[in-house]
Amino acid sequence: DYEYDLYTVEEDTTMNFDYGSSSYPL
């Protein structure tokens, strides 16, 4: 699942970004 929810990323300030098969280190 390659759903890049930028809104969810802002909420997840930790390094626990669930992007399916691809991790987006922001």
N, C-alpha and C. Protein backbone atom coordinates (compact mmCIF):
# COMPACT_ATOMS: atom_id res chain seq x y z
N ASP A 1 0.83 -1.20 0.00
CA ASP A 1 0.00 0.00 0.00
C ASP A 1 0.87 1.25 0.00
N TYR A 2 0.83 1.98 -1.10
CA TYR A 2 1.65 3.19 -1.19
C TYR A 2 0.77 4.42 -0.99
N GLU A 3 0.20 4.52 0.21
CA GLU A 3 -0.66 5.67 0.51
C GLU A 3 0.12 6.68 1.34
N TYR A 4 0.55 7.74 0.68
CA TYR A 4 1.35 8.75 1.38
C TYR A 4 0.44 9.84 1.93
N ASP A 5 -0.05 9.59 3.15
CA ASP A 5 -0.92 10.57 3.78
C ASP A 5 -0.06 11.57 4.53
N LEU A 6 0.13 12.73 3.93
CA LEU A 6 0.97 13.75 4.54
C LEU A 6 0.35 14.25 5.85
N TYR A 7 -0.98 14.20 5.91
CA TYR A 7 -1.66 14.65 7.11
C TYR A 7 -1.34 13.72 8.28
N THR A 8 -1.30 12.42 7.99
CA THR A 8 -1.01 11.45 9.03
C THR A 8 0.45 11.53 9.46
N VAL A 9 1.31 11.93 8.52
CA VAL A 9 2.73 12.04 8.80
C VAL A 9 2.97 13.15 9.82
N GLU A 10 2.22 14.25 9.68
CA GLU A 10 2.38 15.37 10.60
C GLU A 10 1.99 14.95 12.01
N GLU A 11 1.00 14.06 12.13
CA GLU A 11 0.59 13.57 13.44
C GLU A 11 1.63 12.61 14.00
N ASP A 12 2.19 11.77 13.12
CA ASP A 12 3.23 10.83 13.54
C ASP A 12 4.59 11.50 13.46
N THR A 13 4.99 12.13 14.54
CA THR A 13 6.28 12.82 14.56
C THR A 13 7.40 11.82 14.83
N THR A 14 7.04 10.60 15.25
CA THR A 14 8.04 9.59 15.54
C THR A 14 8.50 8.90 14.27
N MET A 15 9.40 7.95 14.39
CA MET A 15 9.90 7.23 13.21
C MET A 15 9.06 5.99 12.96
N ASN A 16 7.76 6.10 13.22
CA ASN A 16 6.86 4.97 13.00
C ASN A 16 5.90 5.28 11.87
N PHE A 17 6.46 5.54 10.69
CA PHE A 17 5.62 5.86 9.54
C PHE A 17 5.22 4.58 8.82
N ASP A 18 3.95 4.24 8.89
CA ASP A 18 3.45 3.03 8.25
C ASP A 18 3.05 3.34 6.81
N TYR A 19 3.99 3.11 5.90
CA TYR A 19 3.71 3.38 4.48
C TYR A 19 3.63 2.08 3.69
N GLY A 20 3.33 0.98 4.36
CA GLY A 20 3.22 -0.29 3.67
C GLY A 20 4.58 -0.87 3.37
N SER A 21 4.94 -0.96 2.08
CA SER A 21 6.19 -1.59 1.68
C SER A 21 7.32 -0.57 1.60
N SER A 22 6.98 0.71 1.72
CA SER A 22 8.00 1.74 1.62
C SER A 22 7.94 2.67 2.83
N SER A 23 9.09 2.86 3.47
CA SER A 23 9.15 3.73 4.64
C SER A 23 9.64 5.12 4.23
N TYR A 24 8.92 6.13 4.66
CA TYR A 24 9.27 7.49 4.29
C TYR A 24 9.83 8.23 5.50
N PRO A 25 11.16 8.24 5.66
CA PRO A 25 11.80 8.90 6.80
C PRO A 25 11.77 10.41 6.71
N LEU A 26 10.82 11.02 7.41
CA LEU A 26 10.73 12.47 7.38
C LEU A 26 11.18 13.04 8.72
